[in-house]
């Protein structure tokens, strides 16, 4: 806990520490934004792929006439 207090004090009073803190926040924001962007693209893409696979499997299933079983 004491180390965190020293780090916060360093970031508050030292100009280099302030720039380092701002840089770290900017890098963290970009990392989060790119992760969110990747997830936002990946989810619809996976849904489209799943739908294409489902339709292909649906076309491959042979048609079975169930009416013959009634007589």
PDB file of N, CA and C in Angstrom:
ATOM      1  N   UNK A   1       0.830  -1.184   0.000  1.00  0.00           N
ATOM      2  CA  UNK A   1       0.000   0.000   0.000  1.00  0.00           C
ATOM      3  C   UNK A   1       0.875   1.248   0.000  1.00  0.00           C
ATOM      4  N   UNK A   2       2.007   1.156   0.688  1.00  0.00           N
ATOM      5  CA  UNK A   2       2.900   2.305   0.762  1.00  0.00           C
ATOM      6  C   UNK A   2       3.492   2.615  -0.615  1.00  0.00           C
ATOM      7  N   UNK A   3       3.737   1.564  -1.398  1.00  0.00           N
ATOM      8  CA  UNK A   3       4.295   1.763  -2.741  1.00  0.00           C
ATOM      9  C   UNK A   3       3.291   2.465  -3.649  1.00  0.00           C
ATOM     10  N   UNK A   4       2.016   2.163  -3.501  1.00  0.00           N
ATOM     11  CA  UNK A   4       0.987   2.831  -4.302  1.00  0.00           C
ATOM     12  C   UNK A   4       0.915   4.310  -3.960  1.00  0.00           C
ATOM     13  N   UNK A   5       1.042   4.648  -2.674  1.00  0.00           N
ATOM     14  CA  UNK A   5       1.022   6.049  -2.259  1.00  0.00           C
ATOM     15  C   UNK A   5       2.218   6.799  -2.822  1.00  0.00           C
ATOM     16  N   UNK A   6       3.373   6.162  -2.851  1.00  0.00           N
ATOM     17  CA  UNK A   6       4.570   6.789  -3.422  1.00  0.00           C
ATOM     18  C   UNK A   6       4.378   7.013  -4.922  1.00  0.00           C
ATOM     19  N   UNK A   7       3.792   6.050  -5.602  1.00  0.00           N
ATOM     20  CA  UNK A   7       3.550   6.176  -7.035  1.00  0.00           C
ATOM     21  C   UNK A   7       2.566   7.305  -7.325  1.00  0.00           C
ATOM     22  N   UNK A   8       1.489   7.419  -6.557  1.00  0.00           N
ATOM     23  CA  UNK A   8       0.511   8.487  -6.748  1.00  0.00           C
ATOM     24  C   UNK A   8       1.154   9.840  -6.483  1.00  0.00           C
ATOM     25  N   UNK A   9       1.959   9.928  -5.465  1.00  0.00           N
ATOM     26  CA  UNK A   9       2.674  11.179  -5.169  1.00  0.00           C
ATOM     27  C   UNK A   9       3.607  11.547  -6.315  1.00  0.00           C
ATOM     28  N   UNK A  10       4.291  10.565  -6.859  1.00  0.00           N
ATOM     29  CA  UNK A  10       5.187  10.799  -7.987  1.00  0.00           C
ATOM     30  C   UNK A  10       4.408  11.315  -9.192  1.00  0.00           C
ATOM     31  N   UNK A  11       3.259  10.709  -9.468  1.00  0.00           N
ATOM     32  CA  UNK A  11       2.464  11.120 -10.617  1.00  0.00           C
ATOM     33  C   UNK A  11       1.842  12.502 -10.425  1.00  0.00           C
ATOM     34  N   UNK A  12       1.595  12.907  -9.182  1.00  0.00           N
ATOM     35  CA  UNK A  12       1.000  14.219  -8.928  1.00  0.00           C
ATOM     36  C   UNK A  12       2.007  15.363  -9.030  1.00  0.00           C
ATOM     37  N   UNK A  13       3.226  15.147  -8.589  1.00  0.00           N
ATOM     38  CA  UNK A  13       4.172  16.258  -8.437  1.00  0.00           C
ATOM     39  C   UNK A  13       5.250  16.327  -9.498  1.00  0.00           C
ATOM     40  N   UNK A  14       5.527  15.261 -10.171  1.00  0.00           N
ATOM     41  CA  UNK A  14       6.619  15.245 -11.135  1.00  0.00           C
ATOM     42  C   UNK A  14       6.062  15.401 -12.549  1.00  0.00           C
ATOM     43  N   UNK A  15       6.578  16.381 -13.346  1.00  0.00           N
ATOM     44  CA  UNK A  15       6.070  16.558 -14.704  1.00  0.00           C
ATOM     45  C   UNK A  15       6.299  15.325 -15.583  1.00  0.00           C
ATOM     46  N   UNK A  16       7.425  14.656 -15.408  1.00  0.00           N
ATOM     47  CA  UNK A  16       7.690  13.445 -16.176  1.00  0.00           C
ATOM     48  C   UNK A  16       6.705  12.348 -15.757  1.00  0.00           C
ATOM     49  N   UNK A  17       6.442  12.271 -14.477  1.00  0.00           N
ATOM     50  CA  UNK A  17       5.476  11.299 -13.972  1.00  0.00           C
ATOM     51  C   UNK A  17       4.076  11.575 -14.492  1.00  0.00           C
ATOM     52  N   UNK A  18       3.711  12.855 -14.597  1.00  0.00           N
ATOM     53  CA  UNK A  18       2.400  13.209 -15.137  1.00  0.00           C
ATOM     54  C   UNK A  18       2.293  12.781 -16.596  1.00  0.00           C
ATOM     55  N   UNK A  19       3.332  13.048 -17.374  1.00  0.00           N
ATOM     56  CA  UNK A  19       3.315  12.636 -18.782  1.00  0.00           C
ATOM     57  C   UNK A  19       3.267  11.117 -18.901  1.00  0.00           C
ATOM     58  N   UNK A  20       3.998  10.442 -18.036  1.00  0.00           N
ATOM     59  CA  UNK A  20       3.971   8.983 -18.028  1.00  0.00           C
ATOM     60  C   UNK A  20       2.569   8.470 -17.704  1.00  0.00           C
ATOM     61  N   UNK A  21       1.925   9.093 -16.718  1.00  0.00           N
ATOM     62  CA  UNK A  21       0.573   8.691 -16.338  1.00  0.00           C
ATOM     63  C   UNK A  21      -0.430   8.927 -17.460  1.00  0.00           C
ATOM     64  N   UNK A  22      -0.332  10.076 -18.112  1.00  0.00           N
ATOM     65  CA  UNK A  22      -1.229  10.375 -19.227  1.00  0.00           C
ATOM     66  C   UNK A  22      -0.968   9.398 -20.376  1.00  0.00           C
ATOM     67  N   UNK A  23       0.296   9.141 -20.656  1.00  0.00           N
ATOM     68  CA  UNK A  23       0.640   8.186 -21.716  1.00  0.00           C
ATOM     69  C   UNK A  23       0.101   6.800 -21.420  1.00  0.00           C
ATOM     70  N   UNK A  24       0.220   6.373 -20.171  1.00  0.00           N
ATOM     71  CA  UNK A  24      -0.301   5.054 -19.786  1.00  0.00           C
ATOM     72  C   UNK A  24      -1.816   5.002 -19.940  1.00  0.00           C
ATOM     73  N   UNK A  25      -2.503   6.088 -19.572  1.00  0.00           N
ATOM     74  CA  UNK A  25      -3.955   6.127 -19.739  1.00  0.00           C
ATOM     75  C   UNK A  25      -4.356   6.099 -21.213  1.00  0.00           C
ATOM     76  N   UNK A  26      -3.620   6.817 -22.046  1.00  0.00           N
ATOM     77  CA  UNK A  26      -3.926   6.829 -23.476  1.00  0.00           C
ATOM     78  C   UNK A  26      -3.714   5.437 -24.073  1.00  0.00           C
ATOM     79  N   UNK A  27      -2.625   4.794 -23.712  1.00  0.00           N
ATOM     80  CA  UNK A  27      -2.352   3.443 -24.217  1.00  0.00           C
ATOM     81  C   UNK A  27      -3.428   2.470 -23.730  1.00  0.00           C
ATOM     82  N   UNK A  28      -3.826   2.583 -22.464  1.00  0.00           N
ATOM     83  CA  UNK A  28      -4.873   1.710 -21.932  1.00  0.00           C
ATOM     84  C   UNK A  28      -6.198   1.956 -22.654  1.00  0.00           C
ATOM     85  N   UNK A  29      -6.513   3.223 -22.943  1.00  0.00           N
ATOM     86  CA  UNK A  29      -7.749   3.539 -23.653  1.00  0.00           C
ATOM     87  C   UNK A  29      -7.739   2.944 -25.055  1.00  0.00           C
ATOM     88  N   UNK A  30      -6.613   3.093 -25.771  1.00  0.00           N
ATOM     89  CA  UNK A  30      -6.524   2.510 -27.107  1.00  0.00           C
ATOM     90  C   UNK A  30      -6.628   0.990 -27.064  1.00  0.00           C
ATOM     91  N   UNK A  31      -6.003   0.365 -26.079  1.00  0.00           N
ATOM     92  CA  UNK A  31      -6.089  -1.095 -25.962  1.00  0.00           C
ATOM     93  C   UNK A  31      -7.537  -1.522 -25.736  1.00  0.00           C
ATOM     94  N   UNK A  32      -8.238  -0.805 -24.883  1.00  0.00           N
ATOM     95  CA  UNK A  32      -9.638  -1.123 -24.613  1.00  0.00           C
ATOM     96  C   UNK A  32     -10.495  -0.875 -25.848  1.00  0.00           C
ATOM     97  N   UNK A  33     -10.232   0.216 -26.556  1.00  0.00           N
ATOM     98  CA  UNK A  33     -11.013   0.531 -27.756  1.00  0.00           C
ATOM     99  C   UNK A  33     -10.789  -0.520 -28.836  1.00  0.00           C
ATOM    100  N   UNK A  34      -9.545  -0.945 -29.029  1.00  0.00           N
ATOM    101  CA  UNK A  34      -9.278  -1.958 -30.056  1.00  0.00           C
ATOM    102  C   UNK A  34      -9.886  -3.294 -29.673  1.00  0.00           C
ATOM    103  N   UNK A  35      -9.871  -3.612 -28.385  1.00  0.00           N
ATOM    104  CA  UNK A  35     -10.489  -4.852 -27.931  1.00  0.00           C
ATOM    105  C   UNK A  35     -11.991  -4.807 -28.174  1.00  0.00           C
ATOM    106  N   UNK A  36     -12.608  -3.682 -27.853  1.00  0.00           N
ATOM    107  CA  UNK A  36     -14.041  -3.534 -28.067  1.00  0.00           C
ATOM    108  C   UNK A  36     -14.355  -3.599 -29.559  1.00  0.00           C
ATOM    109  N   UNK A  37     -13.514  -2.978 -30.374  1.00  0.00           N
ATOM    110  CA  UNK A  37     -13.722  -3.000 -31.815  1.00  0.00           C
ATOM    111  C   UNK A  37     -13.617  -4.426 -32.348  1.00  0.00           C
ATOM    112  N   UNK A  38     -12.630  -5.150 -31.858  1.00  0.00           N
ATOM    113  CA  UNK A  38     -12.467  -6.545 -32.294  1.00  0.00           C
ATOM    114  C   UNK A  38     -13.677  -7.383 -31.892  1.00  0.00           C
ATOM    115  N   UNK A  39     -14.178  -7.186 -30.695  1.00  0.00           N
ATOM    116  CA  UNK A  39     -15.351  -7.939 -30.245  1.00  0.00           C
ATOM    117  C   UNK A  39     -16.583  -7.532 -31.043  1.00  0.00           C
ATOM    118  N   UNK A  40     -16.713  -6.244 -31.342  1.00  0.00           N
ATOM    119  CA  UNK A  40     -17.867  -5.768 -32.100  1.00  0.00           C
ATOM    120  C   UNK A  40     -17.863  -6.316 -33.526  1.00  0.00           C
ATOM    121  N   UNK A  41     -16.694  -6.576 -34.067  1.00  0.00           N
ATOM    122  CA  UNK A  41     -16.602  -7.147 -35.412  1.00  0.00           C
ATOM    123  C   UNK A  41     -16.722  -8.669 -35.355  1.00  0.00           C
ATOM    124  N   UNK A  42     -16.149  -9.284 -34.345  1.00  0.00           N
ATOM    125  CA  UNK A  42     -16.097 -10.748 -34.266  1.00  0.00           C
ATOM    126  C   UNK A  42     -17.472 -11.365 -34.025  1.00  0.00           C
ATOM    127  N   UNK A  43     -18.298 -10.762 -33.198  1.00  0.00           N
ATOM    128  CA  UNK A  43     -19.591 -11.361 -32.863  1.00  0.00           C
ATOM    129  C   UNK A  43     -20.503 -11.451 -34.090  1.00  0.00           C
ATOM    130  N   UNK A  44     -20.718 -10.364 -34.835  1.00  0.00           N
ATOM    131  CA  UNK A  44     -21.555 -10.522 -36.040  1.00  0.00           C
ATOM    132  C   UNK A  44     -20.928 -11.445 -37.081  1.00  0.00           C
ATOM    133  N   UNK A  45     -19.612 -11.417 -37.191  1.00  0.00           N
ATOM    134  CA  UNK A  45     -18.945 -12.298 -38.147  1.00  0.00           C
ATOM    135  C   UNK A  45     -19.178 -13.763 -37.789  1.00  0.00           C
ATOM    136  N   UNK A  46     -19.067 -14.104 -36.512  1.00  0.00           N
ATOM    137  CA  UNK A  46     -19.326 -15.476 -36.078  1.00  0.00           C
ATOM    138  C   UNK A  46     -20.784 -15.875 -36.307  1.00  0.00           C
ATOM    139  N   UNK A  47     -21.702 -14.935 -36.110  1.00  0.00           N
ATOM    140  CA  UNK A  47     -23.110 -15.236 -36.361  1.00  0.00           C
ATOM    141  C   UNK A  47     -23.364 -15.504 -37.845  1.00  0.00           C
ATOM    142  N   UNK A  48     -22.735 -14.748 -38.715  1.00  0.00           N
ATOM    143  CA  UNK A  48     -22.887 -14.970 -40.159  1.00  0.00           C
ATOM    144  C   UNK A  48     -22.311 -16.324 -40.551  1.00  0.00           C
ATOM    145  N   UNK A  49     -21.142 -16.654 -40.035  1.00  0.00           N
ATOM    146  CA  UNK A  49     -20.524 -17.947 -40.340  1.00  0.00           C
ATOM    147  C   UNK A  49     -21.402 -19.089 -39.844  1.00  0.00           C
ATOM    148  N   UNK A  50     -21.956 -18.951 -38.651  1.00  0.00           N
ATOM    149  CA  UNK A  50     -22.829 -19.994 -38.114  1.00  0.00           C
ATOM    150  C   UNK A  50     -24.075 -20.164 -38.977  1.00  0.00           C
ATOM    151  N   UNK A  51     -24.627 -19.065 -39.472  1.00  0.00           N
ATOM    152  CA  UNK A  51     -25.814 -19.148 -40.329  1.00  0.00           C
ATOM    153  C   UNK A  51     -25.489 -19.804 -41.662  1.00  0.00           C
ATOM    154  N   UNK A  52     -24.349 -19.496 -42.240  1.00  0.00           N
ATOM    155  CA  UNK A  52     -23.940 -20.118 -43.506  1.00  0.00           C
ATOM    156  C   UNK A  52     -23.745 -21.615 -43.314  1.00  0.00           C
ATOM    157  N   UNK A  53     -23.089 -22.015 -42.236  1.00  0.00           N
ATOM    158  CA  UNK A  53     -22.885 -23.444 -41.961  1.00  0.00           C
ATOM    159  C   UNK A  53     -24.219 -24.140 -41.743  1.00  0.00           C
ATOM    160  N   UNK A  54     -25.141 -23.505 -41.028  1.00  0.00           N
ATOM    161  CA  UNK A  54     -26.453 -24.102 -40.783  1.00  0.00           C
ATOM    162  C   UNK A  54     -27.210 -24.313 -42.092  1.00  0.00           C
ATOM    163  N   UNK A  55     -27.158 -23.318 -42.979  1.00  0.00           N
ATOM    164  CA  UNK A  55     -27.869 -23.447 -44.258  1.00  0.00           C
ATOM    165  C   UNK A  55     -27.249 -24.522 -45.134  1.00  0.00           C
ATOM    166  N   UNK A  56     -25.944 -24.649 -45.112  1.00  0.00           N
ATOM    167  CA  UNK A  56     -25.295 -25.708 -45.903  1.00  0.00           C
ATOM    168  C   UNK A  56     -25.667 -27.091 -45.372  1.00  0.00           C
ATOM    169  N   UNK A  57     -25.689 -27.239 -44.053  1.00  0.00           N
ATOM    170  CA  UNK A  57     -26.079 -28.529 -43.477  1.00  0.00           C
ATOM    171  C   UNK A  57     -27.535 -28.831 -43.757  1.00  0.00           C
ATOM    172  N   UNK A  58     -28.369 -27.808 -43.768  1.00  0.00           N
ATOM    173  CA  UNK A  58     -29.785 -27.990 -44.051  1.00  0.00           C
ATOM    174  C   UNK A  58     -29.990 -28.489 -45.478  1.00  0.00           C
ATOM    175  N   UNK A  59     -29.175 -28.014 -46.413  1.00  0.00           N
ATOM    176  CA  UNK A  59     -29.269 -28.455 -47.804  1.00  0.00           C
ATOM    177  C   UNK A  59     -28.794 -29.890 -47.981  1.00  0.00           C
ATOM    178  N   UNK A  60     -27.907 -30.346 -47.130  1.00  0.00           N
ATOM    179  CA  UNK A  60     -27.342 -31.690 -47.258  1.00  0.00           C
ATOM    180  C   UNK A  60     -28.250 -32.776 -46.684  1.00  0.00           C
ATOM    181  N   UNK A  61     -29.180 -32.421 -45.834  1.00  0.00           N
ATOM    182  CA  UNK A  61     -30.047 -33.406 -45.192  1.00  0.00           C
ATOM    183  C   UNK A  61     -31.026 -33.947 -46.237  1.00  0.00           C
ATOM    184  N   UNK A  62     -31.087 -35.282 -46.394  1.00  0.00           N
ATOM    185  CA  UNK A  62     -32.025 -35.833 -47.377  1.00  0.00           C
ATOM    186  C   UNK A  62     -33.469 -35.635 -46.920  1.00  0.00           C
ATOM    187  N   UNK A  63     -34.336 -35.449 -47.889  1.00  0.00           N
ATOM    188  CA  UNK A  63     -35.740 -35.243 -47.583  1.00  0.00           C
ATOM    189  C   UNK A  63     -36.385 -36.601 -47.328  1.00  0.00           C
ATOM    190  N   UNK A  64     -37.017 -36.749 -46.199  1.00  0.00           N
ATOM    191  CA  UNK A  64     -37.663 -37.997 -45.828  1.00  0.00           C
ATOM    192  C   UNK A  64     -39.167 -37.769 -45.846  1.00  0.00           C
ATOM    193  N   UNK A  65     -39.877 -38.661 -46.536  1.00  0.00           N
ATOM    194  CA  UNK A  65     -41.321 -38.544 -46.605  1.00  0.00           C
ATOM    195  C   UNK A  65     -41.944 -39.243 -45.388  1.00  0.00           C
ATOM    196  N   UNK A  66     -42.497 -38.464 -44.492  1.00  0.00           N
ATOM    197  CA  UNK A  66     -43.088 -39.025 -43.275  1.00  0.00           C
ATOM    198  C   UNK A  66     -44.501 -39.526 -43.498  1.00  0.00           C
ATOM    199  N   UNK A  67     -45.108 -39.225 -44.639  1.00  0.00           N
ATOM    200  CA  UNK A  67     -46.479 -39.663 -44.875  1.00  0.00           C
ATOM    201  C   UNK A  67     -46.581 -41.169 -45.051  1.00  0.00           C
ATOM    202  N   UNK A  68     -45.523 -41.827 -45.468  1.00  0.00           N
ATOM    203  CA  UNK A  68     -45.558 -43.283 -45.644  1.00  0.00           C
ATOM    204  C   UNK A  68     -45.775 -43.992 -44.301  1.00  0.00           C
ATOM    205  N   UNK A  69     -45.351 -43.363 -43.229  1.00  0.00           N
ATOM    206  CA  UNK A  69     -45.490 -43.982 -41.925  1.00  0.00           C
ATOM    207  C   UNK A  69     -46.943 -43.972 -41.428  1.00  0.00           C
ATOM    208  N   UNK A  70     -47.775 -43.143 -42.021  1.00  0.00           N
ATOM    209  CA  UNK A  70     -49.160 -43.033 -41.550  1.00  0.00           C
ATOM    210  C   UNK A  70     -50.012 -44.205 -42.011  1.00  0.00           C
ATOM    211  N   UNK A  71     -49.642 -44.912 -43.074  1.00  0.00           N
ATOM    212  CA  UNK A  71     -50.483 -45.985 -43.619  1.00  0.00           C
ATOM    213  C   UNK A  71     -49.945 -47.345 -43.286  1.00  0.00           C
TER     214      UNK A  71
END
